[in-house]
ModelCIF file with pLDDT and N, C-alpha, C, O atoms, coordinates in Angstrom:
data_MODEL
#
_entry.id   MODEL 
#
_entity.id                         1 
_entity.type                       polymer 
_entity.pdbx_number_of_molecules   1 
#
_entity_poly.entity_id                      1 
_entity_poly.type                           'polypeptide(L)' 
_entity_poly.nstd_linkage                   no 
_entity_poly.nstd_monomer                   no 
_entity_poly.pdbx_seq_one_letter_code       EVNYDYMNDYFSRAVDLFNFVALISGHVTVALELIWRNRSVVIDQK 
_entity_poly.pdbx_seq_one_letter_code_can   EVNYDYMNDYFSRAVDLFNFVALISGHVTVALELIWRNRSVVIDQK 
_entity_poly.pdbx_strand_id                 A 
#
loop_
_entity_poly_seq.entity_id 
_entity_poly_seq.num 
_entity_poly_seq.mon_id 
_entity_poly_seq.hetero 
1 1  GLU n 
1 2  VAL n 
1 3  ASN n 
1 4  TYR n 
1 5  ASP n 
1 6  TYR n 
1 7  MET n 
1 8  ASN n 
1 9  ASP n 
1 10 TYR n 
1 11 PHE n 
1 12 SER n 
1 13 ARG n 
1 14 ALA n 
1 15 VAL n 
1 16 ASP n 
1 17 LEU n 
1 18 PHE n 
1 19 ASN n 
1 20 PHE n 
1 21 VAL n 
1 22 ALA n 
1 23 LEU n 
1 24 ILE n 
1 25 SER n 
1 26 GLY n 
1 27 HIS n 
1 28 VAL n 
1 29 THR n 
1 30 VAL n 
1 31 ALA n 
1 32 LEU n 
1 33 GLU n 
1 34 LEU n 
1 35 ILE n 
1 36 TRP n 
1 37 ARG n 
1 38 ASN n 
1 39 ARG n 
1 40 SER n 
1 41 VAL n 
1 42 VAL n 
1 43 ILE n 
1 44 ASP n 
1 45 GLN n 
1 46 LYS n 
#
_struct_asym.id          A 
_struct_asym.entity_id   1 
#
loop_
_ma_qa_metric.id 
_ma_qa_metric.mode 
_ma_qa_metric.name 
_ma_qa_metric.software_group_id 
_ma_qa_metric.type 
1 global pLDDT . pLDDT 
2 local  pLDDT . pLDDT 
#
_ma_qa_metric_global.metric_id      1 
_ma_qa_metric_global.metric_value   84.85 
_ma_qa_metric_global.model_id       1 
_ma_qa_metric_global.ordinal_id     1 
#
loop_
_ma_qa_metric_local.label_asym_id 
_ma_qa_metric_local.label_comp_id 
_ma_qa_metric_local.label_seq_id 
_ma_qa_metric_local.metric_id 
_ma_qa_metric_local.metric_value 
_ma_qa_metric_local.model_id 
_ma_qa_metric_local.ordinal_id 
A GLU 1  2 65.00 1 1  
A VAL 2  2 65.00 1 2  
A ASN 3  2 66.00 1 3  
A TYR 4  2 68.00 1 4  
A ASP 5  2 67.00 1 5  
A TYR 6  2 67.00 1 6  
A MET 7  2 70.00 1 7  
A ASN 8  2 72.00 1 8  
A ASP 9  2 71.00 1 9  
A TYR 10 2 77.00 1 10 
A PHE 11 2 81.00 1 11 
A SER 12 2 79.00 1 12 
A ARG 13 2 80.00 1 13 
A ALA 14 2 82.00 1 14 
A VAL 15 2 84.00 1 15 
A ASP 16 2 82.00 1 16 
A LEU 17 2 83.00 1 17 
A PHE 18 2 86.00 1 18 
A ASN 19 2 86.00 1 19 
A PHE 20 2 86.00 1 20 
A VAL 21 2 88.00 1 21 
A ALA 22 2 89.00 1 22 
A LEU 23 2 89.00 1 23 
A ILE 24 2 90.00 1 24 
A SER 25 2 91.00 1 25 
A GLY 26 2 91.00 1 26 
A HIS 27 2 92.00 1 27 
A VAL 28 2 93.00 1 28 
A THR 29 2 93.00 1 29 
A VAL 30 2 94.00 1 30 
A ALA 31 2 93.00 1 31 
A LEU 32 2 93.00 1 32 
A GLU 33 2 94.00 1 33 
A LEU 34 2 93.00 1 34 
A ILE 35 2 93.00 1 35 
A TRP 36 2 93.00 1 36 
A ARG 37 2 92.00 1 37 
A ASN 38 2 92.00 1 38 
A ARG 39 2 92.00 1 39 
A SER 40 2 90.00 1 40 
A VAL 41 2 90.00 1 41 
A VAL 42 2 93.00 1 42 
A ILE 43 2 93.00 1 43 
A ASP 44 2 91.00 1 44 
A GLN 45 2 91.00 1 45 
A LYS 46 2 93.00 1 46 
#
loop_
_atom_site.group_PDB 
_atom_site.id 
_atom_site.type_symbol 
_atom_site.label_atom_id 
_atom_site.label_alt_id 
_atom_site.label_comp_id 
_atom_site.label_asym_id 
_atom_site.label_entity_id 
_atom_site.label_seq_id 
_atom_site.pdbx_PDB_ins_code 
_atom_site.Cartn_x 
_atom_site.Cartn_y 
_atom_site.Cartn_z 
_atom_site.occupancy 
_atom_site.B_iso_or_equiv 
_atom_site.pdbx_formal_charge 
_atom_site.auth_seq_id 
_atom_site.auth_comp_id 
_atom_site.auth_asym_id 
_atom_site.auth_atom_id 
_atom_site.pdbx_PDB_model_num 
ATOM 1   N N  . GLU A 1 1  ? 38.198 14.638 -1.437  1.00 65.00 ? 1  GLU A N  1 
ATOM 2   C CA . GLU A 1 1  ? 39.096 14.328 -2.161  1.00 65.00 ? 1  GLU A CA 1 
ATOM 3   C C  . GLU A 1 1  ? 39.657 12.973 -1.813  1.00 65.00 ? 1  GLU A C  1 
ATOM 4   O O  . GLU A 1 1  ? 39.848 12.696 -0.629  1.00 65.00 ? 1  GLU A O  1 
ATOM 5   N N  . VAL A 1 2  ? 39.990 11.931 -2.975  1.00 65.00 ? 2  VAL A N  1 
ATOM 6   C CA . VAL A 1 2  ? 40.295 10.698 -2.570  1.00 65.00 ? 2  VAL A CA 1 
ATOM 7   C C  . VAL A 1 2  ? 41.424 10.402 -3.648  1.00 65.00 ? 2  VAL A C  1 
ATOM 8   O O  . VAL A 1 2  ? 41.440 11.030 -4.707  1.00 65.00 ? 2  VAL A O  1 
ATOM 9   N N  . ASN A 1 3  ? 42.305 9.494  -3.370  1.00 66.00 ? 3  ASN A N  1 
ATOM 10  C CA . ASN A 1 3  ? 43.358 9.441  -4.559  1.00 66.00 ? 3  ASN A CA 1 
ATOM 11  C C  . ASN A 1 3  ? 43.267 8.037  -5.522  1.00 66.00 ? 3  ASN A C  1 
ATOM 12  O O  . ASN A 1 3  ? 44.190 7.356  -5.968  1.00 66.00 ? 3  ASN A O  1 
ATOM 13  N N  . TYR A 1 4  ? 42.125 7.908  -5.637  1.00 68.00 ? 4  TYR A N  1 
ATOM 14  C CA . TYR A 1 4  ? 41.497 6.863  -6.694  1.00 68.00 ? 4  TYR A CA 1 
ATOM 15  C C  . TYR A 1 4  ? 40.438 7.404  -7.349  1.00 68.00 ? 4  TYR A C  1 
ATOM 16  O O  . TYR A 1 4  ? 39.796 8.381  -6.962  1.00 68.00 ? 4  TYR A O  1 
ATOM 17  N N  . ASP A 1 5  ? 40.214 6.652  -8.535  1.00 67.00 ? 5  ASP A N  1 
ATOM 18  C CA . ASP A 1 5  ? 39.072 7.309  -9.472  1.00 67.00 ? 5  ASP A CA 1 
ATOM 19  C C  . ASP A 1 5  ? 37.688 6.596  -8.690  1.00 67.00 ? 5  ASP A C  1 
ATOM 20  O O  . ASP A 1 5  ? 37.515 5.429  -9.042  1.00 67.00 ? 5  ASP A O  1 
ATOM 21  N N  . TYR A 1 6  ? 36.823 7.048  -7.829  1.00 67.00 ? 6  TYR A N  1 
ATOM 22  C CA . TYR A 1 6  ? 35.803 6.761  -7.150  1.00 67.00 ? 6  TYR A CA 1 
ATOM 23  C C  . TYR A 1 6  ? 34.800 6.597  -8.323  1.00 67.00 ? 6  TYR A C  1 
ATOM 24  O O  . TYR A 1 6  ? 33.984 5.698  -8.117  1.00 67.00 ? 6  TYR A O  1 
ATOM 25  N N  . MET A 1 7  ? 34.701 7.067  -9.173  1.00 70.00 ? 7  MET A N  1 
ATOM 26  C CA . MET A 1 7  ? 33.479 6.748  -10.329 1.00 70.00 ? 7  MET A CA 1 
ATOM 27  C C  . MET A 1 7  ? 33.553 5.622  -10.860 1.00 70.00 ? 7  MET A C  1 
ATOM 28  O O  . MET A 1 7  ? 32.474 5.165  -11.236 1.00 70.00 ? 7  MET A O  1 
ATOM 29  N N  . ASN A 1 8  ? 34.641 4.874  -11.061 1.00 72.00 ? 8  ASN A N  1 
ATOM 30  C CA . ASN A 1 8  ? 34.833 3.734  -11.769 1.00 72.00 ? 8  ASN A CA 1 
ATOM 31  C C  . ASN A 1 8  ? 35.718 2.777  -11.051 1.00 72.00 ? 8  ASN A C  1 
ATOM 32  O O  . ASN A 1 8  ? 35.671 1.595  -11.392 1.00 72.00 ? 8  ASN A O  1 
ATOM 33  N N  . ASP A 1 9  ? 36.580 3.177  -10.025 1.00 71.00 ? 9  ASP A N  1 
ATOM 34  C CA . ASP A 1 9  ? 37.110 2.058  -9.549  1.00 71.00 ? 9  ASP A CA 1 
ATOM 35  C C  . ASP A 1 9  ? 36.419 1.447  -8.122  1.00 71.00 ? 9  ASP A C  1 
ATOM 36  O O  . ASP A 1 9  ? 36.712 1.931  -7.029  1.00 71.00 ? 9  ASP A O  1 
ATOM 37  N N  . TYR A 1 10 ? 35.583 0.461  -8.256  1.00 77.00 ? 10 TYR A N  1 
ATOM 38  C CA . TYR A 1 10 ? 34.506 0.105  -7.551  1.00 77.00 ? 10 TYR A CA 1 
ATOM 39  C C  . TYR A 1 10 ? 34.872 -0.666 -5.910  1.00 77.00 ? 10 TYR A C  1 
ATOM 40  O O  . TYR A 1 10 ? 34.202 -0.780 -4.883  1.00 77.00 ? 10 TYR A O  1 
ATOM 41  N N  . PHE A 1 11 ? 36.183 -1.067 -6.273  1.00 81.00 ? 11 PHE A N  1 
ATOM 42  C CA . PHE A 1 11 ? 36.813 -1.927 -5.340  1.00 81.00 ? 11 PHE A CA 1 
ATOM 43  C C  . PHE A 1 11 ? 37.232 -1.187 -4.132  1.00 81.00 ? 11 PHE A C  1 
ATOM 44  O O  . PHE A 1 11 ? 36.876 -1.430 -2.979  1.00 81.00 ? 11 PHE A O  1 
ATOM 45  N N  . SER A 1 12 ? 38.152 -0.114 -4.593  1.00 79.00 ? 12 SER A N  1 
ATOM 46  C CA . SER A 1 12 ? 38.806 0.819  -3.726  1.00 79.00 ? 12 SER A CA 1 
ATOM 47  C C  . SER A 1 12 ? 37.661 1.377  -3.323  1.00 79.00 ? 12 SER A C  1 
ATOM 48  O O  . SER A 1 12 ? 37.616 1.297  -2.095  1.00 79.00 ? 12 SER A O  1 
ATOM 49  N N  . ARG A 1 13 ? 36.548 1.994  -3.834  1.00 80.00 ? 13 ARG A N  1 
ATOM 50  C CA . ARG A 1 13 ? 35.203 2.491  -3.196  1.00 80.00 ? 13 ARG A CA 1 
ATOM 51  C C  . ARG A 1 13 ? 34.795 1.565  -2.080  1.00 80.00 ? 13 ARG A C  1 
ATOM 52  O O  . ARG A 1 13 ? 34.611 2.065  -0.970  1.00 80.00 ? 13 ARG A O  1 
ATOM 53  N N  . ALA A 1 14 ? 34.653 0.417  -2.234  1.00 82.00 ? 14 ALA A N  1 
ATOM 54  C CA . ALA A 1 14 ? 34.148 -0.482 -1.179  1.00 82.00 ? 14 ALA A CA 1 
ATOM 55  C C  . ALA A 1 14 ? 35.086 -0.480 0.080   1.00 82.00 ? 14 ALA A C  1 
ATOM 56  O O  . ALA A 1 14 ? 34.750 -0.188 1.228   1.00 82.00 ? 14 ALA A O  1 
ATOM 57  N N  . VAL A 1 15 ? 36.228 -0.831 -0.325  1.00 84.00 ? 15 VAL A N  1 
ATOM 58  C CA . VAL A 1 15 ? 37.285 -0.892 0.842   1.00 84.00 ? 15 VAL A CA 1 
ATOM 59  C C  . VAL A 1 15 ? 37.344 0.270  1.361   1.00 84.00 ? 15 VAL A C  1 
ATOM 60  O O  . VAL A 1 15 ? 37.554 0.219  2.573   1.00 84.00 ? 15 VAL A O  1 
ATOM 61  N N  . ASP A 1 16 ? 37.227 1.500  0.858   1.00 82.00 ? 16 ASP A N  1 
ATOM 62  C CA . ASP A 1 16 ? 37.163 2.825  1.596   1.00 82.00 ? 16 ASP A CA 1 
ATOM 63  C C  . ASP A 1 16 ? 35.852 3.033  2.290   1.00 82.00 ? 16 ASP A C  1 
ATOM 64  O O  . ASP A 1 16 ? 36.027 3.668  3.331   1.00 82.00 ? 16 ASP A O  1 
ATOM 65  N N  . LEU A 1 17 ? 34.504 2.695  2.058   1.00 83.00 ? 17 LEU A N  1 
ATOM 66  C CA . LEU A 1 17 ? 33.699 2.672  2.733   1.00 83.00 ? 17 LEU A CA 1 
ATOM 67  C C  . LEU A 1 17 ? 33.924 1.569  3.818   1.00 83.00 ? 17 LEU A C  1 
ATOM 68  O O  . LEU A 1 17 ? 33.901 1.964  4.984   1.00 83.00 ? 17 LEU A O  1 
ATOM 69  N N  . PHE A 1 18 ? 34.128 0.307  3.601   1.00 86.00 ? 18 PHE A N  1 
ATOM 70  C CA . PHE A 1 18 ? 34.445 -0.423 4.524   1.00 86.00 ? 18 PHE A CA 1 
ATOM 71  C C  . PHE A 1 18 ? 35.299 -0.190 5.962   1.00 86.00 ? 18 PHE A C  1 
ATOM 72  O O  . PHE A 1 18 ? 35.125 -0.627 7.100   1.00 86.00 ? 18 PHE A O  1 
ATOM 73  N N  . ASN A 1 19 ? 36.352 0.751  5.337   1.00 86.00 ? 19 ASN A N  1 
ATOM 74  C CA . ASN A 1 19 ? 37.428 1.224  6.424   1.00 86.00 ? 19 ASN A CA 1 
ATOM 75  C C  . ASN A 1 19 ? 36.353 2.019  7.269   1.00 86.00 ? 19 ASN A C  1 
ATOM 76  O O  . ASN A 1 19 ? 36.186 1.736  8.455   1.00 86.00 ? 19 ASN A O  1 
ATOM 77  N N  . PHE A 1 20 ? 35.568 3.093  6.601   1.00 86.00 ? 20 PHE A N  1 
ATOM 78  C CA . PHE A 1 20 ? 34.805 4.002  7.514   1.00 86.00 ? 20 PHE A CA 1 
ATOM 79  C C  . PHE A 1 20 ? 33.863 3.268  8.115   1.00 86.00 ? 20 PHE A C  1 
ATOM 80  O O  . PHE A 1 20 ? 33.643 3.717  9.240   1.00 86.00 ? 20 PHE A O  1 
ATOM 81  N N  . VAL A 1 21 ? 33.217 2.343  7.858   1.00 88.00 ? 21 VAL A N  1 
ATOM 82  C CA . VAL A 1 21 ? 32.174 1.577  8.405   1.00 88.00 ? 21 VAL A CA 1 
ATOM 83  C C  . VAL A 1 21 ? 32.974 0.795  9.834   1.00 88.00 ? 21 VAL A C  1 
ATOM 84  O O  . VAL A 1 21 ? 32.454 0.658  10.941  1.00 88.00 ? 21 VAL A O  1 
ATOM 85  N N  . ALA A 1 22 ? 34.184 0.410  9.478   1.00 89.00 ? 22 ALA A N  1 
ATOM 86  C CA . ALA A 1 22 ? 34.821 -0.342 10.924  1.00 89.00 ? 22 ALA A CA 1 
ATOM 87  C C  . ALA A 1 22 ? 35.061 0.740  11.762  1.00 89.00 ? 22 ALA A C  1 
ATOM 88  O O  . ALA A 1 22 ? 35.080 0.465  12.962  1.00 89.00 ? 22 ALA A O  1 
ATOM 89  N N  . LEU A 1 23 ? 35.278 2.071  11.398  1.00 89.00 ? 23 LEU A N  1 
ATOM 90  C CA . LEU A 1 23 ? 35.793 3.181  12.114  1.00 89.00 ? 23 LEU A CA 1 
ATOM 91  C C  . LEU A 1 23 ? 34.874 3.539  13.250  1.00 89.00 ? 23 LEU A C  1 
ATOM 92  O O  . LEU A 1 23 ? 34.979 3.454  14.473  1.00 89.00 ? 23 LEU A O  1 
ATOM 93  N N  . ILE A 1 24 ? 33.772 4.042  12.290  1.00 90.00 ? 24 ILE A N  1 
ATOM 94  C CA . ILE A 1 24 ? 32.777 4.669  13.019  1.00 90.00 ? 24 ILE A CA 1 
ATOM 95  C C  . ILE A 1 24 ? 31.930 3.579  13.907  1.00 90.00 ? 24 ILE A C  1 
ATOM 96  O O  . ILE A 1 24 ? 31.516 3.855  15.033  1.00 90.00 ? 24 ILE A O  1 
ATOM 97  N N  . SER A 1 25 ? 31.715 2.285  13.260  1.00 91.00 ? 25 SER A N  1 
ATOM 98  C CA . SER A 1 25 ? 30.966 1.349  14.443  1.00 91.00 ? 25 SER A CA 1 
ATOM 99  C C  . SER A 1 25 ? 32.016 1.114  15.501  1.00 91.00 ? 25 SER A C  1 
ATOM 100 O O  . SER A 1 25 ? 31.477 0.536  16.445  1.00 91.00 ? 25 SER A O  1 
ATOM 101 N N  . GLY A 1 26 ? 33.136 1.301  15.698  1.00 91.00 ? 26 GLY A N  1 
ATOM 102 C CA . GLY A 1 26 ? 33.989 1.239  16.968  1.00 91.00 ? 26 GLY A CA 1 
ATOM 103 C C  . GLY A 1 26 ? 33.759 2.179  17.696  1.00 91.00 ? 26 GLY A C  1 
ATOM 104 O O  . GLY A 1 26 ? 33.769 1.917  18.898  1.00 91.00 ? 26 GLY A O  1 
ATOM 105 N N  . HIS A 1 27 ? 33.478 3.566  17.298  1.00 92.00 ? 27 HIS A N  1 
ATOM 106 C CA . HIS A 1 27 ? 33.472 4.575  17.709  1.00 92.00 ? 27 HIS A CA 1 
ATOM 107 C C  . HIS A 1 27 ? 32.128 4.701  18.623  1.00 92.00 ? 27 HIS A C  1 
ATOM 108 O O  . HIS A 1 27 ? 32.111 5.037  19.808  1.00 92.00 ? 27 HIS A O  1 
ATOM 109 N N  . VAL A 1 28 ? 30.909 4.327  17.745  1.00 93.00 ? 28 VAL A N  1 
ATOM 110 C CA . VAL A 1 28 ? 29.771 4.316  18.439  1.00 93.00 ? 28 VAL A CA 1 
ATOM 111 C C  . VAL A 1 28 ? 29.205 3.472  19.179  1.00 93.00 ? 28 VAL A C  1 
ATOM 112 O O  . VAL A 1 28 ? 28.230 3.775  19.867  1.00 93.00 ? 28 VAL A O  1 
ATOM 113 N N  . THR A 1 29 ? 29.799 2.122  19.151  1.00 93.00 ? 29 THR A N  1 
ATOM 114 C CA . THR A 1 29 ? 29.753 0.796  20.117  1.00 93.00 ? 29 THR A CA 1 
ATOM 115 C C  . THR A 1 29 ? 30.552 1.450  21.467  1.00 93.00 ? 29 THR A C  1 
ATOM 116 O O  . THR A 1 29 ? 29.891 1.573  22.498  1.00 93.00 ? 29 THR A O  1 
ATOM 117 N N  . VAL A 1 30 ? 31.847 1.831  21.458  1.00 94.00 ? 30 VAL A N  1 
ATOM 118 C CA . VAL A 1 30 ? 32.363 2.346  22.447  1.00 94.00 ? 30 VAL A CA 1 
ATOM 119 C C  . VAL A 1 30 ? 31.772 3.426  23.381  1.00 94.00 ? 30 VAL A C  1 
ATOM 120 O O  . VAL A 1 30 ? 31.925 3.377  24.602  1.00 94.00 ? 30 VAL A O  1 
ATOM 121 N N  . ALA A 1 31 ? 30.983 4.558  22.646  1.00 93.00 ? 31 ALA A N  1 
ATOM 122 C CA . ALA A 1 31 ? 30.315 5.849  22.972  1.00 93.00 ? 31 ALA A CA 1 
ATOM 123 C C  . ALA A 1 31 ? 28.949 4.993  23.838  1.00 93.00 ? 31 ALA A C  1 
ATOM 124 O O  . ALA A 1 31 ? 28.772 5.175  25.042  1.00 93.00 ? 31 ALA A O  1 
ATOM 125 N N  . LEU A 1 32 ? 28.417 4.436  23.342  1.00 93.00 ? 32 LEU A N  1 
ATOM 126 C CA . LEU A 1 32 ? 27.448 3.867  23.582  1.00 93.00 ? 32 LEU A CA 1 
ATOM 127 C C  . LEU A 1 32 ? 27.359 2.838  24.925  1.00 93.00 ? 32 LEU A C  1 
ATOM 128 O O  . LEU A 1 32 ? 26.469 2.802  25.774  1.00 93.00 ? 32 LEU A O  1 
ATOM 129 N N  . GLU A 1 33 ? 28.435 2.114  24.841  1.00 94.00 ? 33 GLU A N  1 
ATOM 130 C CA . GLU A 1 33 ? 28.660 1.229  25.943  1.00 94.00 ? 33 GLU A CA 1 
ATOM 131 C C  . GLU A 1 33 ? 29.217 1.845  27.233  1.00 94.00 ? 33 GLU A C  1 
ATOM 132 O O  . GLU A 1 33 ? 28.992 1.284  28.305  1.00 94.00 ? 33 GLU A O  1 
ATOM 133 N N  . LEU A 1 34 ? 29.947 2.992  27.173  1.00 93.00 ? 34 LEU A N  1 
ATOM 134 C CA . LEU A 1 34 ? 30.061 3.768  28.026  1.00 93.00 ? 34 LEU A CA 1 
ATOM 135 C C  . LEU A 1 34 ? 29.181 4.201  28.764  1.00 93.00 ? 34 LEU A C  1 
ATOM 136 O O  . LEU A 1 34 ? 29.143 4.052  29.985  1.00 93.00 ? 34 LEU A O  1 
ATOM 137 N N  . ILE A 1 35 ? 28.330 4.822  28.033  1.00 93.00 ? 35 ILE A N  1 
ATOM 138 C CA . ILE A 1 35 ? 27.045 5.751  28.399  1.00 93.00 ? 35 ILE A CA 1 
ATOM 139 C C  . ILE A 1 35 ? 26.076 4.945  29.002  1.00 93.00 ? 35 ILE A C  1 
ATOM 140 O O  . ILE A 1 35 ? 25.435 5.390  29.953  1.00 93.00 ? 35 ILE A O  1 
ATOM 141 N N  . TRP A 1 36 ? 25.848 3.593  28.487  1.00 93.00 ? 36 TRP A N  1 
ATOM 142 C CA . TRP A 1 36 ? 24.555 2.822  28.925  1.00 93.00 ? 36 TRP A CA 1 
ATOM 143 C C  . TRP A 1 36 ? 24.880 1.538  29.853  1.00 93.00 ? 36 TRP A C  1 
ATOM 144 O O  . TRP A 1 36 ? 24.029 0.988  30.551  1.00 93.00 ? 36 TRP A O  1 
ATOM 145 N N  . ARG A 1 37 ? 26.497 1.062  29.742  1.00 92.00 ? 37 ARG A N  1 
ATOM 146 C CA . ARG A 1 37 ? 26.934 -0.155 30.066  1.00 92.00 ? 37 ARG A CA 1 
ATOM 147 C C  . ARG A 1 37 ? 28.148 -0.154 31.119  1.00 92.00 ? 37 ARG A C  1 
ATOM 148 O O  . ARG A 1 37 ? 28.878 -1.051 31.541  1.00 92.00 ? 37 ARG A O  1 
ATOM 149 N N  . ASN A 1 38 ? 28.054 1.331  31.386  1.00 92.00 ? 38 ASN A N  1 
ATOM 150 C CA . ASN A 1 38 ? 29.575 1.528  32.334  1.00 92.00 ? 38 ASN A CA 1 
ATOM 151 C C  . ASN A 1 38 ? 29.286 0.925  33.659  1.00 92.00 ? 38 ASN A C  1 
ATOM 152 O O  . ASN A 1 38 ? 28.334 1.341  34.319  1.00 92.00 ? 38 ASN A O  1 
ATOM 153 N N  . ARG A 1 39 ? 30.011 0.019  34.065  1.00 92.00 ? 39 ARG A N  1 
ATOM 154 C CA . ARG A 1 39 ? 30.008 -0.630 35.482  1.00 92.00 ? 39 ARG A CA 1 
ATOM 155 C C  . ARG A 1 39 ? 31.338 -0.212 36.160  1.00 92.00 ? 39 ARG A C  1 
ATOM 156 O O  . ARG A 1 39 ? 31.755 -0.836 37.136  1.00 92.00 ? 39 ARG A O  1 
ATOM 157 N N  . SER A 1 40 ? 31.906 0.698  35.712  1.00 90.00 ? 40 SER A N  1 
ATOM 158 C CA . SER A 1 40 ? 33.041 1.429  36.315  1.00 90.00 ? 40 SER A CA 1 
ATOM 159 C C  . SER A 1 40 ? 32.894 1.389  38.048  1.00 90.00 ? 40 SER A C  1 
ATOM 160 O O  . SER A 1 40 ? 33.754 0.764  38.669  1.00 90.00 ? 40 SER A O  1 
ATOM 161 N N  . VAL A 1 41 ? 31.750 2.092  38.818  1.00 90.00 ? 41 VAL A N  1 
ATOM 162 C CA . VAL A 1 41 ? 31.635 2.100  40.023  1.00 90.00 ? 41 VAL A CA 1 
ATOM 163 C C  . VAL A 1 41 ? 31.794 0.695  40.956  1.00 90.00 ? 41 VAL A C  1 
ATOM 164 O O  . VAL A 1 41 ? 32.343 0.508  42.041  1.00 90.00 ? 41 VAL A O  1 
ATOM 165 N N  . VAL A 1 42 ? 31.042 -0.232 40.012  1.00 93.00 ? 42 VAL A N  1 
ATOM 166 C CA . VAL A 1 42 ? 31.403 -1.501 40.615  1.00 93.00 ? 42 VAL A CA 1 
ATOM 167 C C  . VAL A 1 42 ? 32.414 -2.219 40.607  1.00 93.00 ? 42 VAL A C  1 
ATOM 168 O O  . VAL A 1 42 ? 32.529 -3.029 41.527  1.00 93.00 ? 42 VAL A O  1 
ATOM 169 N N  . ILE A 1 43 ? 33.345 -2.152 39.677  1.00 93.00 ? 43 ILE A N  1 
ATOM 170 C CA . ILE A 1 43 ? 34.687 -2.129 39.322  1.00 93.00 ? 43 ILE A CA 1 
ATOM 171 C C  . ILE A 1 43 ? 35.577 -1.622 40.526  1.00 93.00 ? 43 ILE A C  1 
ATOM 172 O O  . ILE A 1 43 ? 36.396 -2.234 41.213  1.00 93.00 ? 43 ILE A O  1 
ATOM 173 N N  . ASP A 1 44 ? 35.198 -0.442 40.557  1.00 91.00 ? 44 ASP A N  1 
ATOM 174 C CA . ASP A 1 44 ? 36.187 0.221  41.659  1.00 91.00 ? 44 ASP A CA 1 
ATOM 175 C C  . ASP A 1 44 ? 35.730 -0.371 42.805  1.00 91.00 ? 44 ASP A C  1 
ATOM 176 O O  . ASP A 1 44 ? 36.609 -0.938 43.454  1.00 91.00 ? 44 ASP A O  1 
ATOM 177 N N  . GLN A 1 45 ? 34.651 -0.410 43.236  1.00 91.00 ? 45 GLN A N  1 
ATOM 178 C CA . GLN A 1 45 ? 34.223 -0.657 44.683  1.00 91.00 ? 45 GLN A CA 1 
ATOM 179 C C  . GLN A 1 45 ? 34.938 -2.074 44.940  1.00 91.00 ? 45 GLN A C  1 
ATOM 180 O O  . GLN A 1 45 ? 35.398 -2.297 46.060  1.00 91.00 ? 45 GLN A O  1 
ATOM 181 N N  . LYS A 1 46 ? 35.032 -2.972 43.984  1.00 93.00 ? 46 LYS A N  1 
ATOM 182 C CA . LYS A 1 46 ? 35.626 -4.629 43.981  1.00 93.00 ? 46 LYS A CA 1 
ATOM 183 C C  . LYS A 1 46 ? 37.189 -4.218 44.492  1.00 93.00 ? 46 LYS A C  1 
ATOM 184 O O  . LYS A 1 46 ? 38.038 -5.096 44.650  1.00 93.00 ? 46 LYS A O  1 
#
């Protein structure tokens, strides 16, 4: 469910999807960076 006419309101639909892309991009970037580029051990040692 959305609070706009997603069949005809193309601008709101684009903004909605842009919000989603921003949110999920941040999630995936954080997760993969923590998994593969985590330098916490080195930082703790320093």
